[in-house]
Structure formats: C-alpha cells, structure tokens
Amino acid sequence: DAPGCAIGVGALKQPAVISTLQDIRDSFTMGGSNASTFMPAMKRTVDSANAKFAASDSKSKINQVNAQVMEVKEVMVQNIDKVLERGERLDDVLVKSDAMKDSAAQFRQSGRKLRRQMWCQNCKLWVALIVILVVVVIVIFFAVCGGTSCLS
C-alpha cells in the first residue's frame, strides 16, 4: 500500500519537468529500490516540486497582473494627455471666438456709421436734385413768360 503521488505538469516548461524527473530518479537511486524508503522520499520530492511550481505559477500570474496594470496605466496616461490637448485646443477656440465677437461688434459699428454716411450723402443728392429741378423750372418759367410778366 504505497501512498499516491501526483505532480501537475500541464503548464510547465520542459526543463522544469525534466528537473523534477531527475530529482525523482535521484531519490530512487539514493533510497534504494525498497518501496518503503522510496515512496516517502518521492512524496517529499513531488511535494517540493508542486510547491515550487505553484510559487512560480503565482509569480507568473502576479507578473501578468502587473503587466496588465502597467498597460492600463499607459492607456490612462495617453487618455489624460489627449484630454489636456483637447482642453488646450478648446482654450484656443475660445480665444478665437472672443476675437471674432469683438471683430463682429466693430464691424457692426462701422457698418452703422457707413450706413449713416450713405444716407446723408443720399439726402444731399436729393436736396441737390430738388434745388436743380426748382432752378430749372424757374429758368423755364422766366424763359417762357419773358420775365415777371406772367406773374401779374
């Protein structure tokens, strides 16, 4: 009735498996071929190998988690950089929009001033045309009437 021993080798690399098998062979050759001495030695070797593999497996999982954390950290840093760049661009857009607002107000004022000037110029032109028309009518009147004779 020998105690059973098992070692998981599913995810192990070939050198680790070979090393464990060599340890088992050494236990067998040192302990002799007697099952009563070999089985406890083999159990210690297998337990030691299982502990070593479990520790290396947990270390590799820790390394994987650390790598994932670093990857997430890099992505977050990139996202923060993009947000900061976007904020800077938004600040630039706000400055430009304020400048356009000021420019539009100035354009509106200059447009009103120009409209008033054009209205005044138009009024002067109409007044000049009316004066010329009145003068022409008076000249025609005096030319037709021969002076002031038409008035009496």
N, C-alpha and C. Protein backbone atom coordinates (compact mmCIF):
# COMPACT_ATOMS: atom_id res chain seq x y z
N ASP A 1 0.84 -1.19 0.00
CA ASP A 1 0.00 0.00 0.00
C ASP A 1 0.88 1.23 0.00
N ALA A 2 1.20 1.71 -1.14
CA ALA A 2 2.05 2.89 -1.23
C ALA A 2 1.17 4.11 -1.38
N PRO A 3 1.54 5.22 -0.70
CA PRO A 3 0.75 6.45 -0.87
C PRO A 3 0.90 6.96 -2.28
N GLY A 4 -0.18 7.52 -2.83
CA GLY A 4 -0.15 8.03 -4.19
C GLY A 4 0.47 9.41 -4.26
N CYS A 5 1.15 9.69 -5.35
CA CYS A 5 1.76 10.99 -5.56
C CYS A 5 1.41 11.45 -6.96
N ALA A 6 1.15 12.73 -7.08
CA ALA A 6 0.85 13.27 -8.41
C ALA A 6 1.49 14.63 -8.53
N ILE A 7 1.93 14.94 -9.72
CA ILE A 7 2.52 16.25 -9.97
C ILE A 7 1.86 16.80 -11.22
N GLY A 8 1.43 18.05 -11.15
CA GLY A 8 0.79 18.66 -12.31
C GLY A 8 1.84 19.24 -13.24
N VAL A 9 1.81 18.81 -14.50
CA VAL A 9 2.82 19.27 -15.45
C VAL A 9 2.17 19.95 -16.65
N GLY A 10 0.90 20.30 -16.56
CA GLY A 10 0.17 20.82 -17.72
C GLY A 10 0.80 22.08 -18.31
N ALA A 11 1.09 23.08 -17.47
CA ALA A 11 1.56 24.36 -17.99
C ALA A 11 3.05 24.55 -17.78
N LEU A 12 3.76 23.50 -17.40
CA LEU A 12 5.18 23.64 -17.10
C LEU A 12 6.01 23.56 -18.38
N LYS A 13 7.16 24.18 -18.31
CA LYS A 13 8.08 24.13 -19.43
C LYS A 13 8.90 22.84 -19.31
N GLN A 14 9.43 22.40 -20.42
CA GLN A 14 10.13 21.12 -20.47
C GLN A 14 11.31 21.06 -19.49
N PRO A 15 12.13 22.10 -19.33
CA PRO A 15 13.25 21.99 -18.38
C PRO A 15 12.79 21.75 -16.94
N ALA A 16 11.65 22.33 -16.55
CA ALA A 16 11.15 22.14 -15.19
C ALA A 16 10.71 20.70 -14.98
N VAL A 17 10.06 20.13 -15.97
CA VAL A 17 9.61 18.73 -15.87
C VAL A 17 10.82 17.80 -15.81
N ILE A 18 11.79 18.04 -16.65
CA ILE A 18 13.00 17.19 -16.67
C ILE A 18 13.72 17.28 -15.34
N SER A 19 13.81 18.48 -14.77
CA SER A 19 14.48 18.66 -13.48
C SER A 19 13.75 17.87 -12.39
N THR A 20 12.43 17.91 -12.39
CA THR A 20 11.66 17.17 -11.38
C THR A 20 11.85 15.68 -11.55
N LEU A 21 11.81 15.18 -12.78
CA LEU A 21 12.02 13.75 -13.02
C LEU A 21 13.42 13.31 -12.60
N GLN A 22 14.42 14.17 -12.80
CA GLN A 22 15.78 13.84 -12.37
C GLN A 22 15.85 13.77 -10.84
N ASP A 23 15.12 14.68 -10.17
CA ASP A 23 15.08 14.64 -8.70
C ASP A 23 14.45 13.34 -8.21
N ILE A 24 13.39 12.89 -8.89
CA ILE A 24 12.73 11.63 -8.52
C ILE A 24 13.67 10.45 -8.75
N ARG A 25 14.39 10.46 -9.85
CA ARG A 25 15.35 9.39 -10.15
C ARG A 25 16.44 9.35 -9.09
N ASP A 26 16.93 10.54 -8.72
CA ASP A 26 17.98 10.59 -7.69
C ASP A 26 17.46 10.05 -6.36
N SER A 27 16.20 10.37 -6.04
CA SER A 27 15.60 9.85 -4.79
C SER A 27 15.54 8.33 -4.84
N PHE A 28 15.18 7.81 -5.98
CA PHE A 28 15.06 6.37 -6.14
C PHE A 28 16.42 5.69 -6.01
N THR A 29 17.44 6.26 -6.65
CA THR A 29 18.76 5.63 -6.61
C THR A 29 19.40 5.77 -5.25
N MET A 30 19.15 6.84 -4.52
CA MET A 30 19.75 7.02 -3.19
C MET A 30 19.02 6.18 -2.15
N GLY A 31 17.71 6.09 -2.30
CA GLY A 31 16.93 5.35 -1.30
C GLY A 31 16.92 3.86 -1.55
N GLY A 32 17.47 3.44 -2.63
CA GLY A 32 17.43 2.02 -2.94
C GLY A 32 16.12 1.68 -3.62
N SER A 33 15.94 0.42 -3.90
CA SER A 33 14.74 0.01 -4.60
C SER A 33 13.65 -0.40 -3.63
N ASN A 34 13.87 -0.18 -2.36
CA ASN A 34 12.91 -0.52 -1.34
C ASN A 34 11.74 0.48 -1.41
N ALA A 35 10.54 -0.02 -1.56
CA ALA A 35 9.36 0.83 -1.72
C ALA A 35 9.09 1.63 -0.45
N SER A 36 9.43 1.06 0.72
CA SER A 36 9.13 1.76 1.98
C SER A 36 10.00 3.00 2.15
N THR A 37 11.20 3.01 1.63
CA THR A 37 12.05 4.19 1.74
C THR A 37 11.90 5.11 0.53
N PHE A 38 11.59 4.49 -0.61
CA PHE A 38 11.48 5.30 -1.84
C PHE A 38 10.23 6.17 -1.84
N MET A 39 9.11 5.61 -1.41
CA MET A 39 7.83 6.35 -1.50
C MET A 39 7.84 7.63 -0.66
N PRO A 40 8.34 7.60 0.59
CA PRO A 40 8.38 8.87 1.33
C PRO A 40 9.32 9.89 0.68
N ALA A 41 10.47 9.40 0.17
CA ALA A 41 11.40 10.31 -0.50
C ALA A 41 10.77 10.89 -1.76
N MET A 42 10.06 10.04 -2.51
CA MET A 42 9.41 10.52 -3.73
C MET A 42 8.29 11.51 -3.39
N LYS A 43 7.55 11.24 -2.30
CA LYS A 43 6.49 12.15 -1.88
C LYS A 43 7.07 13.52 -1.54
N ARG A 44 8.21 13.53 -0.81
CA ARG A 44 8.85 14.82 -0.48
C ARG A 44 9.28 15.54 -1.76
N THR A 45 9.84 14.80 -2.72
CA THR A 45 10.30 15.41 -3.97
C THR A 45 9.12 15.97 -4.77
N VAL A 46 8.05 15.20 -4.82
CA VAL A 46 6.87 15.65 -5.57
C VAL A 46 6.25 16.86 -4.89
N ASP A 47 6.12 16.81 -3.55
CA ASP A 47 5.55 17.95 -2.82
C ASP A 47 6.40 19.20 -3.02
N SER A 48 7.72 19.01 -2.98
CA SER A 48 8.63 20.14 -3.19
C SER A 48 8.46 20.70 -4.60
N ALA A 49 8.35 19.82 -5.59
CA ALA A 49 8.18 20.27 -6.98
C ALA A 49 6.85 20.98 -7.14
N ASN A 50 5.79 20.42 -6.53
CA ASN A 50 4.48 21.07 -6.61
C ASN A 50 4.51 22.46 -5.98
N ALA A 51 5.17 22.59 -4.84
CA ALA A 51 5.27 23.89 -4.17
C ALA A 51 6.05 24.87 -5.03
N LYS A 52 7.15 24.37 -5.62
CA LYS A 52 7.97 25.23 -6.47
C LYS A 52 7.18 25.68 -7.70
N PHE A 53 6.43 24.76 -8.31
CA PHE A 53 5.66 25.10 -9.49
C PHE A 53 4.51 26.04 -9.14
N ALA A 54 3.89 25.81 -7.99
CA ALA A 54 2.79 26.70 -7.56
C ALA A 54 3.32 28.11 -7.32
N ALA A 55 4.51 28.19 -6.69
CA ALA A 55 5.10 29.51 -6.43
C ALA A 55 5.46 30.21 -7.73
N SER A 56 6.06 29.45 -8.68
CA SER A 56 6.42 30.07 -9.95
C SER A 56 5.17 30.45 -10.73
N ASP A 57 4.12 29.62 -10.62
CA ASP A 57 2.87 29.92 -11.32
C ASP A 57 2.24 31.19 -10.74
N SER A 58 2.23 31.32 -9.40
CA SER A 58 1.65 32.53 -8.80
C SER A 58 2.49 33.75 -9.12
N LYS A 59 3.82 33.56 -9.20
CA LYS A 59 4.67 34.69 -9.58
C LYS A 59 4.38 35.11 -11.02
N SER A 60 4.18 34.13 -11.89
CA SER A 60 3.88 34.49 -13.28
C SER A 60 2.53 35.18 -13.37
N LYS A 61 1.56 34.75 -12.54
CA LYS A 61 0.27 35.43 -12.54
C LYS A 61 0.41 36.85 -12.01
N ILE A 62 1.24 37.02 -10.99
CA ILE A 62 1.50 38.37 -10.46
C ILE A 62 2.16 39.22 -11.53
N ASN A 63 3.10 38.63 -12.25
CA ASN A 63 3.76 39.37 -13.33
C ASN A 63 2.76 39.73 -14.43
N GLN A 64 1.85 38.80 -14.73
CA GLN A 64 0.83 39.10 -15.74
C GLN A 64 -0.07 40.24 -15.27
N VAL A 65 -0.49 40.19 -14.00
CA VAL A 65 -1.34 41.26 -13.47
C VAL A 65 -0.59 42.58 -13.46
N ASN A 66 0.69 42.54 -13.07
CA ASN A 66 1.50 43.77 -13.10
C ASN A 66 1.63 44.32 -14.51
N ALA A 67 1.80 43.43 -15.48
CA ALA A 67 1.90 43.87 -16.88
C ALA A 67 0.59 44.50 -17.32
N GLN A 68 -0.54 43.89 -16.93
CA GLN A 68 -1.83 44.47 -17.28
C GLN A 68 -2.03 45.82 -16.62
N VAL A 69 -1.62 45.94 -15.37
CA VAL A 69 -1.73 47.22 -14.66
C VAL A 69 -0.90 48.28 -15.36
N MET A 70 0.31 47.92 -15.77
CA MET A 70 1.17 48.88 -16.47
C MET A 70 0.56 49.29 -17.80
N GLU A 71 -0.05 48.32 -18.49
CA GLU A 71 -0.69 48.62 -19.77
C GLU A 71 -1.87 49.57 -19.57
N VAL A 72 -2.68 49.30 -18.55
CA VAL A 72 -3.81 50.18 -18.24
C VAL A 72 -3.31 51.57 -17.86
N LYS A 73 -2.22 51.60 -17.11
CA LYS A 73 -1.64 52.88 -16.69
C LYS A 73 -1.20 53.68 -17.91
N GLU A 74 -0.54 53.02 -18.87
CA GLU A 74 -0.10 53.71 -20.08
C GLU A 74 -1.28 54.25 -20.87
N VAL A 75 -2.35 53.44 -20.97
CA VAL A 75 -3.55 53.89 -21.68
C VAL A 75 -4.15 55.10 -20.98
N MET A 76 -4.20 55.06 -19.66
CA MET A 76 -4.77 56.18 -18.91
C MET A 76 -3.92 57.45 -19.08
N VAL A 77 -2.61 57.29 -19.07
CA VAL A 77 -1.73 58.45 -19.28
C VAL A 77 -1.96 59.03 -20.67
N GLN A 78 -2.11 58.17 -21.67
CA GLN A 78 -2.39 58.64 -23.03
C GLN A 78 -3.73 59.36 -23.08
N ASN A 79 -4.74 58.80 -22.40
CA ASN A 79 -6.05 59.44 -22.38
C ASN A 79 -6.00 60.80 -21.70
N ILE A 80 -5.26 60.89 -20.60
CA ILE A 80 -5.13 62.17 -19.90
C ILE A 80 -4.43 63.18 -20.79
N ASP A 81 -3.39 62.74 -21.50
CA ASP A 81 -2.69 63.64 -22.44
C ASP A 81 -3.65 64.14 -23.52
N LYS A 82 -4.48 63.24 -24.04
CA LYS A 82 -5.43 63.64 -25.07
C LYS A 82 -6.44 64.63 -24.52
N VAL A 83 -6.91 64.41 -23.29
CA VAL A 83 -7.87 65.34 -22.67
C VAL A 83 -7.23 66.70 -22.48
N LEU A 84 -5.96 66.73 -22.04
CA LEU A 84 -5.27 68.00 -21.86
C LEU A 84 -5.08 68.73 -23.19
N GLU A 85 -4.72 67.98 -24.22
CA GLU A 85 -4.57 68.59 -25.55
C GLU A 85 -5.90 69.15 -26.03
N ARG A 86 -6.97 68.40 -25.79
CA ARG A 86 -8.31 68.86 -26.18
C ARG A 86 -8.66 70.14 -25.42
N GLY A 87 -8.32 70.18 -24.14
CA GLY A 87 -8.57 71.38 -23.34
C GLY A 87 -7.82 72.59 -23.89
N GLU A 88 -6.57 72.36 -24.30
CA GLU A 88 -5.78 73.46 -24.88
C GLU A 88 -6.41 73.93 -26.19
N ARG A 89 -6.85 72.98 -27.01
CA ARG A 89 -7.50 73.37 -28.27
C ARG A 89 -8.79 74.13 -28.00
N LEU A 90 -9.54 73.70 -26.98
CA LEU A 90 -10.77 74.42 -26.64
C LEU A 90 -10.46 75.83 -26.16
N ASP A 91 -9.38 75.99 -25.40
CA ASP A 91 -8.97 77.34 -24.97
C ASP A 91 -8.64 78.20 -26.18
N ASP A 92 -7.93 77.63 -27.16
CA ASP A 92 -7.61 78.36 -28.38
C ASP A 92 -8.88 78.77 -29.12
N VAL A 93 -9.83 77.85 -29.19
CA VAL A 93 -11.09 78.15 -29.87
C VAL A 93 -11.83 79.27 -29.14
N LEU A 94 -11.82 79.24 -27.80
CA LEU A 94 -12.49 80.28 -27.04
C LEU A 94 -11.84 81.65 -27.27
N VAL A 95 -10.51 81.68 -27.31
CA VAL A 95 -9.80 82.95 -27.57
C VAL A 95 -10.17 83.47 -28.96
N LYS A 96 -10.17 82.57 -29.94
CA LYS A 96 -10.50 82.98 -31.30
C LYS A 96 -11.95 83.44 -31.40
N SER A 97 -12.86 82.76 -30.67
CA SER A 97 -14.26 83.17 -30.73
C SER A 97 -14.46 84.53 -30.07
N ASP A 98 -13.73 84.81 -28.99
CA ASP A 98 -13.81 86.14 -28.38
C ASP A 98 -13.29 87.21 -29.33
N ALA A 99 -12.21 86.90 -30.03
CA ALA A 99 -11.67 87.85 -31.01
C ALA A 99 -12.68 88.08 -32.14
N MET A 100 -13.33 87.02 -32.58
CA MET A 100 -14.34 87.17 -33.65
C MET A 100 -15.53 87.98 -33.14
N LYS A 101 -15.91 87.80 -31.88
CA LYS A 101 -17.03 88.55 -31.32
C LYS A 101 -16.69 90.04 -31.29
N ASP A 102 -15.47 90.36 -30.86
CA ASP A 102 -15.05 91.76 -30.84
C ASP A 102 -15.00 92.33 -32.25
N SER A 103 -14.48 91.53 -33.18
CA SER A 103 -14.40 91.96 -34.57
C SER A 103 -15.80 92.18 -35.14
N ALA A 104 -16.75 91.32 -34.80
CA ALA A 104 -18.12 91.47 -35.29
C ALA A 104 -18.76 92.74 -34.73
N ALA A 105 -18.51 93.04 -33.47
CA ALA A 105 -19.05 94.26 -32.87
C ALA A 105 -18.47 95.49 -33.56
N GLN A 106 -17.18 95.47 -33.83
CA GLN A 106 -16.54 96.59 -34.52
C GLN A 106 -17.09 96.71 -35.95
N PHE A 107 -17.29 95.59 -36.61
CA PHE A 107 -17.85 95.60 -37.97
C PHE A 107 -19.26 96.18 -37.94
N ARG A 108 -20.05 95.81 -36.95
CA ARG A 108 -21.41 96.32 -36.84
C ARG A 108 -21.40 97.84 -36.66
N GLN A 109 -20.50 98.33 -35.81
CA GLN A 109 -20.41 99.79 -35.59
C GLN A 109 -19.97 100.51 -36.86
N SER A 110 -18.97 99.96 -37.52
CA SER A 110 -18.51 100.62 -38.75
C SER A 110 -19.58 100.54 -39.83
N GLY A 111 -20.36 99.45 -39.86
CA GLY A 111 -21.46 99.33 -40.82
C GLY A 111 -22.54 100.38 -40.56
N ARG A 112 -22.87 100.60 -39.30
CA ARG A 112 -23.87 101.63 -38.96
C ARG A 112 -23.37 103.01 -39.36
N LYS A 113 -22.10 103.28 -39.09
CA LYS A 113 -21.52 104.58 -39.43
C LYS A 113 -21.56 104.79 -40.95
N LEU A 114 -21.20 103.76 -41.69
CA LEU A 114 -21.20 103.85 -43.15
C LEU A 114 -22.62 104.04 -43.68
N ARG A 115 -23.58 103.32 -43.06
CA ARG A 115 -24.97 103.47 -43.49
C ARG A 115 -25.45 104.91 -43.26
N ARG A 116 -25.11 105.49 -42.12
CA ARG A 116 -25.49 106.89 -41.86
C ARG A 116 -24.85 107.83 -42.87
N GLN A 117 -23.57 107.60 -43.16
CA GLN A 117 -22.88 108.45 -44.14
C GLN A 117 -23.56 108.34 -45.51
N MET A 118 -23.88 107.12 -45.90
CA MET A 118 -24.52 106.94 -47.20
C MET A 118 -25.92 107.58 -47.22
N TRP A 119 -26.65 107.50 -46.11
CA TRP A 119 -27.97 108.12 -46.02
C TRP A 119 -27.84 109.64 -46.14
N CYS A 120 -26.84 110.20 -45.44
CA CYS A 120 -26.62 111.65 -45.53
C CYS A 120 -26.24 112.05 -46.95
N GLN A 121 -25.38 111.28 -47.55
CA GLN A 121 -24.97 111.57 -48.93
C GLN A 121 -26.17 111.46 -49.86
N ASN A 122 -27.02 110.48 -49.66
CA ASN A 122 -28.22 110.31 -50.47
C ASN A 122 -29.16 111.51 -50.26
N CYS A 123 -29.31 111.92 -49.00
CA CYS A 123 -30.17 113.10 -48.73
C CYS A 123 -29.61 114.34 -49.42
N LYS A 124 -28.31 114.54 -49.35
CA LYS A 124 -27.68 115.70 -50.01
C LYS A 124 -27.92 115.65 -51.51
N LEU A 125 -27.81 114.45 -52.08
CA LEU A 125 -28.05 114.30 -53.52
C LEU A 125 -29.48 114.65 -53.87
N TRP A 126 -30.44 114.19 -53.08
CA TRP A 126 -31.85 114.52 -53.33
C TRP A 126 -32.10 116.01 -53.18
N VAL A 127 -31.50 116.60 -52.17
CA VAL A 127 -31.66 118.05 -51.98
C VAL A 127 -31.07 118.79 -53.18
N ALA A 128 -29.88 118.35 -53.62
CA ALA A 128 -29.25 119.00 -54.76
C ALA A 128 -30.11 118.83 -56.01
N LEU A 129 -30.66 117.62 -56.23
CA LEU A 129 -31.53 117.39 -57.38
C LEU A 129 -32.79 118.26 -57.32
N ILE A 130 -33.38 118.37 -56.15
CA ILE A 130 -34.58 119.20 -55.99
C ILE A 130 -34.25 120.66 -56.26
N VAL A 131 -33.12 121.13 -55.73
CA VAL A 131 -32.71 122.53 -55.97
C VAL A 131 -32.48 122.75 -57.46
N ILE A 132 -31.79 121.82 -58.10
CA ILE A 132 -31.53 121.96 -59.54
C ILE A 132 -32.85 121.94 -60.30
N LEU A 133 -33.76 121.07 -59.92
CA LEU A 133 -35.05 120.98 -60.58
C LEU A 133 -35.84 122.28 -60.40
N VAL A 134 -35.82 122.83 -59.21
CA VAL A 134 -36.51 124.10 -58.94
C VAL A 134 -35.87 125.21 -59.77
N VAL A 135 -34.55 125.24 -59.82
CA VAL A 135 -33.86 126.28 -60.61
C VAL A 135 -34.22 126.13 -62.09
N VAL A 136 -34.23 124.86 -62.58
CA VAL A 136 -34.56 124.63 -63.97
C VAL A 136 -36.01 125.07 -64.23
N VAL A 137 -36.92 124.74 -63.35
CA VAL A 137 -38.32 125.14 -63.51
C VAL A 137 -38.43 126.68 -63.50
N ILE A 138 -37.72 127.31 -62.62
CA ILE A 138 -37.75 128.79 -62.56
C ILE A 138 -37.17 129.38 -63.84
N VAL A 139 -36.08 128.82 -64.33
CA VAL A 139 -35.47 129.33 -65.56
C VAL A 139 -36.42 129.13 -66.72
N ILE A 140 -37.06 127.96 -66.81
CA ILE A 140 -38.02 127.70 -67.88
C ILE A 140 -39.21 128.67 -67.75
N PHE A 141 -39.65 128.89 -66.54
CA PHE A 141 -40.78 129.78 -66.30
C PHE A 141 -40.46 131.20 -66.79
N PHE A 142 -39.28 131.68 -66.42
CA PHE A 142 -38.90 133.03 -66.83
C PHE A 142 -38.62 133.07 -68.32
N ALA A 143 -38.15 131.96 -68.88
CA ALA A 143 -37.87 131.96 -70.31
C ALA A 143 -39.20 131.97 -71.08
N VAL A 144 -40.17 131.28 -70.65
CA VAL A 144 -41.44 131.21 -71.34
C VAL A 144 -42.22 132.51 -71.11
N CYS A 145 -42.22 133.00 -69.96
CA CYS A 145 -43.02 134.19 -69.64
C CYS A 145 -42.30 135.47 -70.04
N GLY A 146 -41.08 135.45 -70.27
CA GLY A 146 -40.36 136.67 -70.65
C GLY A 146 -40.11 137.57 -69.46
N GLY A 147 -39.92 137.00 -68.34
CA GLY A 147 -39.61 137.81 -67.15
C GLY A 147 -40.72 137.64 -66.12
N THR A 148 -41.11 138.76 -65.56
CA THR A 148 -42.09 138.73 -64.47
C THR A 148 -43.48 139.04 -64.99
N SER A 149 -43.68 139.09 -66.29
CA SER A 149 -44.99 139.45 -66.86
C SER A 149 -46.04 138.40 -66.61
N CYS A 150 -45.65 137.14 -66.42
CA CYS A 150 -46.63 136.08 -66.18
C CYS A 150 -47.16 136.16 -64.77
N LEU A 151 -46.50 136.81 -63.93
CA LEU A 151 -46.92 136.84 -62.53
C LEU A 151 -48.05 137.85 -62.33
N SER A 152 -48.17 138.86 -63.17
CA SER A 152 -49.20 139.87 -62.95
C SER A 152 -50.47 139.61 -63.67
